Amino acid sequence: MNRYCLTLLLSLPLCRVMAQEFPAHFSMPVELAQGFAKPDGQNPLYLLTLQAVPQVTLVPKRLRLGAVLGGFYPATQVGVLAGPRLTLKLLEGGTILTATSFNVHLLGEYLWATGPENGRRLVGGGIGLGSSDLITVAFKLHRDLSQSSTWFQVAIGYNLVKPRAPVL
């Protein structure tokens, strides 16, 4: 074994890998979601959303607050949505080397939406699975309080902001 490999192996316990869940920094996941919007008494409509969710960690390794900014396409119309999001980490997976492997979190949202049918107010949330503060998958359910419809989505997100290196 060459000297470089031996040095690397001996220093692994001292290294801190970047993949920590809910680190104390700013993040900017972009989420693409598909699902359906089901107005009361009508057939479900295809639903597509694209959202940017800038977030800041309020309580490291536990709680984040963010703003949802994005667009939606339920069947034949395009609209814009925005509002706050709160994300609470429920549990964290085991460690691989010195980094956590995944987390399970709850998210809650209150969104205002505009489009051909102005005045939408969506309240809801979901459960998500995140890995390495980089990739997330979420299952979300929202109730439109003004249009009497229910939205269900499966979202995949990617964090555009690379976590900063921890100081040793």
C-alpha atoms as a PDB file:
ATOM      1  CA  MET A   1       0.000   0.000   0.000  1.00  0.00           C
ATOM      2  CA  ASN A   2       1.441   3.374  -0.900  1.00  0.00           C
ATOM      3  CA  ARG A   3       2.040   6.101   1.679  1.00  0.00           C
ATOM      4  CA  TYR A   4      -0.827   8.288   0.451  1.00  0.00           C
ATOM      5  CA  CYS A   5      -3.433   5.539   0.980  1.00  0.00           C
ATOM      6  CA  LEU A   6      -2.052   4.703   4.416  1.00  0.00           C
ATOM      7  CA  THR A   7      -2.147   8.369   5.486  1.00  0.00           C
ATOM      8  CA  LEU A   8      -5.732   8.679   4.230  1.00  0.00           C
ATOM      9  CA  LEU A   9      -6.869   5.563   6.085  1.00  0.00           C
ATOM     10  CA  LEU A  10      -5.245   6.652   9.338  1.00  0.00           C
ATOM     11  CA  SER A  11      -6.747  10.148   9.146  1.00  0.00           C
ATOM     12  CA  LEU A  12     -10.357   9.112   8.392  1.00  0.00           C
ATOM     13  CA  PRO A  13     -11.500   9.273  12.023  1.00  0.00           C
ATOM     14  CA  LEU A  14     -10.175  12.845  12.198  1.00  0.00           C
ATOM     15  CA  CYS A  15     -11.884  13.994   8.992  1.00  0.00           C
ATOM     16  CA  ARG A  16     -15.362  15.450   8.981  1.00  0.00           C
ATOM     17  CA  VAL A  17     -17.331  14.550   5.906  1.00  0.00           C
ATOM     18  CA  MET A  18     -19.694  17.194   4.469  1.00  0.00           C
ATOM     19  CA  ALA A  19     -22.829  15.051   4.492  1.00  0.00           C
ATOM     20  CA  GLN A  20     -24.395  16.258   7.736  1.00  0.00           C
ATOM     21  CA  GLU A  21     -28.175  16.566   7.955  1.00  0.00           C
ATOM     22  CA  PHE A  22     -29.725  20.012   8.615  1.00  0.00           C
ATOM     23  CA  PRO A  23     -26.383  21.797   9.102  1.00  0.00           C
ATOM     24  CA  ALA A  24     -26.339  25.379  10.386  1.00  0.00           C
ATOM     25  CA  HIS A  25     -26.324  27.204   7.051  1.00  0.00           C
ATOM     26  CA  PHE A  26     -28.425  28.525   4.186  1.00  0.00           C
ATOM     27  CA  SER A  27     -29.752  26.030   1.635  1.00  0.00           C
ATOM     28  CA  MET A  28     -31.609  26.424  -1.648  1.00  0.00           C
ATOM     29  CA  PRO A  29     -33.368  23.257  -2.794  1.00  0.00           C
ATOM     30  CA  VAL A  30     -35.217  23.276  -6.100  1.00  0.00           C
ATOM     31  CA  GLU A  31     -38.136  20.837  -6.220  1.00  0.00           C
ATOM     32  CA  LEU A  32     -39.952  19.320  -9.157  1.00  0.00           C
ATOM     33  CA  ALA A  33     -43.233  17.623  -8.253  1.00  0.00           C
ATOM     34  CA  GLN A  34     -45.981  15.735 -10.037  1.00  0.00           C
ATOM     35  CA  GLY A  35     -49.347  14.655  -8.795  1.00  0.00           C
ATOM     36  CA  PHE A  36     -52.974  15.622  -9.063  1.00  0.00           C
ATOM     37  CA  ALA A  37     -55.386  18.345  -8.047  1.00  0.00           C
ATOM     38  CA  LYS A  38     -58.858  17.043  -7.241  1.00  0.00           C
ATOM     39  CA  PRO A  39     -61.637  19.640  -7.066  1.00  0.00           C
ATOM     40  CA  ASP A  40     -64.564  18.508  -4.897  1.00  0.00           C
ATOM     41  CA  GLY A  41     -67.065  16.534  -6.997  1.00  0.00           C
ATOM     42  CA  GLN A  42     -64.871  16.487 -10.130  1.00  0.00           C
ATOM     43  CA  ASN A  43     -62.255  14.256 -11.736  1.00  0.00           C
ATOM     44  CA  PRO A  44     -58.601  14.663 -10.698  1.00  0.00           C
ATOM     45  CA  LEU A  45     -56.429  16.935 -12.855  1.00  0.00           C
ATOM     46  CA  TYR A  46     -52.732  16.432 -13.581  1.00  0.00           C
ATOM     47  CA  LEU A  47     -50.575  18.743 -11.436  1.00  0.00           C
ATOM     48  CA  LEU A  48     -46.981  19.819 -12.032  1.00  0.00           C
ATOM     49  CA  THR A  49     -45.054  22.206  -9.758  1.00  0.00           C
ATOM     50  CA  LEU A  50     -41.562  23.668  -9.838  1.00  0.00           C
ATOM     51  CA  GLN A  51     -40.413  25.421  -6.653  1.00  0.00           C
ATOM     52  CA  ALA A  52     -37.328  27.069  -5.204  1.00  0.00           C
ATOM     53  CA  VAL A  53     -37.243  26.913  -1.412  1.00  0.00           C
ATOM     54  CA  PRO A  54     -34.537  29.132   0.121  1.00  0.00           C
ATOM     55  CA  GLN A  55     -34.150  28.033   3.745  1.00  0.00           C
ATOM     56  CA  VAL A  56     -32.187  28.906   6.839  1.00  0.00           C
ATOM     57  CA  THR A  57     -31.569  26.544   9.731  1.00  0.00           C
ATOM     58  CA  LEU A  58     -33.127  27.912  12.930  1.00  0.00           C
ATOM     59  CA  VAL A  59     -32.084  25.030  15.196  1.00  0.00           C
ATOM     60  CA  PRO A  60     -29.048  23.132  13.850  1.00  0.00           C
ATOM     61  CA  LYS A  61     -29.788  19.487  13.058  1.00  0.00           C
ATOM     62  CA  ARG A  62     -33.505  19.969  13.869  1.00  0.00           C
ATOM     63  CA  LEU A  63     -35.547  22.889  12.394  1.00  0.00           C
ATOM     64  CA  ARG A  64     -35.543  24.977   9.199  1.00  0.00           C
ATOM     65  CA  LEU A  65     -37.613  27.939   8.028  1.00  0.00           C
ATOM     66  CA  GLY A  66     -37.948  28.796   4.360  1.00  0.00           C
ATOM     67  CA  ALA A  67     -39.947  30.499   1.667  1.00  0.00           C
ATOM     68  CA  VAL A  68     -41.559  28.616  -1.217  1.00  0.00           C
ATOM     69  CA  LEU A  69     -41.444  30.431  -4.582  1.00  0.00           C
ATOM     70  CA  GLY A  70     -42.611  28.661  -7.696  1.00  0.00           C
ATOM     71  CA  GLY A  71     -45.072  27.864 -10.370  1.00  0.00           C
ATOM     72  CA  PHE A  72     -47.782  25.281 -10.883  1.00  0.00           C
ATOM     73  CA  TYR A  73     -49.624  23.762 -13.820  1.00  0.00           C
ATOM     74  CA  PRO A  74     -52.885  21.977 -13.003  1.00  0.00           C
ATOM     75  CA  ALA A  75     -53.996  20.592 -16.389  1.00  0.00           C
ATOM     76  CA  THR A  76     -54.581  23.641 -18.606  1.00  0.00           C
ATOM     77  CA  GLN A  77     -53.531  26.701 -16.599  1.00  0.00           C
ATOM     78  CA  VAL A  78     -50.286  28.114 -15.249  1.00  0.00           C
ATOM     79  CA  GLY A  79     -49.988  29.950 -11.946  1.00  0.00           C
ATOM     80  CA  VAL A  80     -47.523  31.253  -9.404  1.00  0.00           C
ATOM     81  CA  LEU A  81     -47.349  30.270  -5.744  1.00  0.00           C
ATOM     82  CA  ALA A  82     -45.463  31.561  -2.715  1.00  0.00           C
ATOM     83  CA  GLY A  83     -45.481  31.212   1.050  1.00  0.00           C
ATOM     84  CA  PRO A  84     -43.604  30.000   4.123  1.00  0.00           C
ATOM     85  CA  ARG A  85     -42.384  26.487   4.888  1.00  0.00           C
ATOM     86  CA  LEU A  86     -41.305  25.001   8.210  1.00  0.00           C
ATOM     87  CA  THR A  87     -39.329  21.747   8.216  1.00  0.00           C
ATOM     88  CA  LEU A  88     -38.814  19.626  11.336  1.00  0.00           C
ATOM     89  CA  LYS A  89     -36.392  16.683  11.311  1.00  0.00           C
ATOM     90  CA  LEU A  90     -37.931  13.644  12.991  1.00  0.00           C
ATOM     91  CA  LEU A  91     -35.102  11.145  12.813  1.00  0.00           C
ATOM     92  CA  GLU A  92     -31.675  10.643  11.375  1.00  0.00           C
ATOM     93  CA  GLY A  93     -30.161   7.521   9.865  1.00  0.00           C
ATOM     94  CA  GLY A  94     -26.987   5.858  10.978  1.00  0.00           C
ATOM     95  CA  THR A  95     -23.549   7.174  10.199  1.00  0.00           C
ATOM     96  CA  ILE A  96     -21.312   6.175   7.338  1.00  0.00           C
ATOM     97  CA  LEU A  97     -17.716   7.050   8.208  1.00  0.00           C
ATOM     98  CA  THR A  98     -18.424  10.308  10.082  1.00  0.00           C
ATOM     99  CA  ALA A  99     -21.530  11.523   8.235  1.00  0.00           C
ATOM    100  CA  THR A 100     -25.210  10.795   8.693  1.00  0.00           C
ATOM    101  CA  SER A 101     -26.786   8.817   5.885  1.00  0.00           C
ATOM    102  CA  PHE A 102     -30.346  10.223   5.711  1.00  0.00           C
ATOM    103  CA  ASN A 103     -33.090  12.015   7.590  1.00  0.00           C
ATOM    104  CA  VAL A 104     -36.874  11.836   7.767  1.00  0.00           C
ATOM    105  CA  HIS A 105     -38.616  15.168   8.187  1.00  0.00           C
ATOM    106  CA  LEU A 106     -42.060  16.760   8.363  1.00  0.00           C
ATOM    107  CA  LEU A 107     -42.805  19.892   6.385  1.00  0.00           C
ATOM    108  CA  GLY A 108     -45.657  22.340   6.708  1.00  0.00           C
ATOM    109  CA  GLU A 109     -46.615  25.018   4.173  1.00  0.00           C
ATOM    110  CA  TYR A 110     -49.101  27.849   3.764  1.00  0.00           C
ATOM    111  CA  LEU A 111     -49.125  28.978   0.121  1.00  0.00           C
ATOM    112  CA  TRP A 112     -50.893  31.726  -1.776  1.00  0.00           C
ATOM    113  CA  ALA A 113     -51.360  31.059  -5.473  1.00  0.00           C
ATOM    114  CA  THR A 114     -52.440  33.144  -8.437  1.00  0.00           C
ATOM    115  CA  GLY A 115     -53.384  32.288 -11.979  1.00  0.00           C
ATOM    116  CA  PRO A 116     -56.640  32.125 -13.947  1.00  0.00           C
ATOM    117  CA  GLU A 117     -58.413  31.347 -10.657  1.00  0.00           C
ATOM    118  CA  ASN A 118     -56.985  33.982  -8.309  1.00  0.00           C
ATOM    119  CA  GLY A 119     -57.143  33.732  -4.557  1.00  0.00           C
ATOM    120  CA  ARG A 120     -55.981  30.182  -3.890  1.00  0.00           C
ATOM    121  CA  ARG A 121     -54.866  29.475  -0.333  1.00  0.00           C
ATOM    122  CA  LEU A 122     -53.151  26.133   0.143  1.00  0.00           C
ATOM    123  CA  VAL A 123     -52.520  24.667   3.582  1.00  0.00           C
ATOM    124  CA  GLY A 124     -50.716  21.395   3.924  1.00  0.00           C
ATOM    125  CA  GLY A 125     -47.521  19.535   4.329  1.00  0.00           C
ATOM    126  CA  GLY A 126     -45.941  16.203   4.008  1.00  0.00           C
ATOM    127  CA  ILE A 127     -43.190  13.848   4.908  1.00  0.00           C
ATOM    128  CA  GLY A 128     -39.782  13.894   3.291  1.00  0.00           C
ATOM    129  CA  LEU A 129     -36.635  11.840   3.081  1.00  0.00           C
ATOM    130  CA  GLY A 130     -33.354  13.700   2.684  1.00  0.00           C
ATOM    131  CA  SER A 131     -29.826  12.525   2.075  1.00  0.00           C
ATOM    132  CA  SER A 132     -26.576  14.401   2.634  1.00  0.00           C
ATOM    133  CA  ASP A 133     -28.350  17.787   2.609  1.00  0.00           C
ATOM    134  CA  LEU A 134     -28.335  17.384  -1.169  1.00  0.00           C
ATOM    135  CA  ILE A 135     -31.284  15.275  -2.413  1.00  0.00           C
ATOM    136  CA  THR A 136     -34.828  15.085  -1.016  1.00  0.00           C
ATOM    137  CA  VAL A 137     -37.961  13.140  -1.869  1.00  0.00           C
ATOM    138  CA  ALA A 138     -41.267  14.291  -0.376  1.00  0.00           C
ATOM    139  CA  PHE A 139     -44.908  13.251  -0.393  1.00  0.00           C
ATOM    140  CA  LYS A 140     -47.113  16.323   0.049  1.00  0.00           C
ATOM    141  CA  LEU A 141     -50.848  16.898   0.543  1.00  0.00           C
ATOM    142  CA  HIS A 142     -52.465  20.347   0.437  1.00  0.00           C
ATOM    143  CA  ARG A 143     -56.022  21.565   0.829  1.00  0.00           C
ATOM    144  CA  ASP A 144     -57.066  24.598  -1.222  1.00  0.00           C
ATOM    145  CA  LEU A 145     -59.221  26.555   1.215  1.00  0.00           C
ATOM    146  CA  SER A 146     -60.732  28.908  -1.380  1.00  0.00           C
ATOM    147  CA  GLN A 147     -61.260  26.595  -4.384  1.00  0.00           C
ATOM    148  CA  SER A 148     -62.357  23.457  -2.459  1.00  0.00           C
ATOM    149  CA  SER A 149     -59.798  21.100  -3.928  1.00  0.00           C
ATOM    150  CA  THR A 150     -57.065  18.779  -2.689  1.00  0.00           C
ATOM    151  CA  TRP A 151     -53.552  18.596  -4.119  1.00  0.00           C
ATOM    152  CA  PHE A 152     -51.321  15.508  -3.815  1.00  0.00           C
ATOM    153  CA  GLN A 153     -47.712  15.588  -5.037  1.00  0.00           C
ATOM    154  CA  VAL A 154     -44.541  13.530  -5.061  1.00  0.00           C
ATOM    155  CA  ALA A 155     -41.527  15.853  -5.209  1.00  0.00           C
ATOM    156  CA  ILE A 156     -37.821  15.402  -5.794  1.00  0.00           C
ATOM    157  CA  GLY A 157     -35.474  18.184  -4.758  1.00  0.00           C
ATOM    158  CA  TYR A 158     -31.848  19.090  -5.266  1.00  0.00           C
ATOM    159  CA  ASN A 159     -29.956  21.589  -3.087  1.00  0.00           C
ATOM    160  CA  LEU A 160     -28.203  24.153  -5.316  1.00  0.00           C
ATOM    161  CA  VAL A 161     -26.078  25.543  -2.464  1.00  0.00           C
ATOM    162  CA  LYS A 162     -23.091  23.389  -1.587  1.00  0.00           C
ATOM    163  CA  PRO A 163     -22.676  23.014   2.185  1.00  0.00           C
ATOM    164  CA  ARG A 164     -19.679  24.882   3.579  1.00  0.00           C
ATOM    165  CA  ALA A 165     -16.750  22.917   4.900  1.00  0.00           C
ATOM    166  CA  PRO A 166     -16.769  22.651   8.684  1.00  0.00           C
ATOM    167  CA  VAL A 167     -13.856  24.172  10.543  1.00  0.00           C
ATOM    168  CA  LEU A 168     -11.763  21.500  12.254  1.00  0.00           C
END
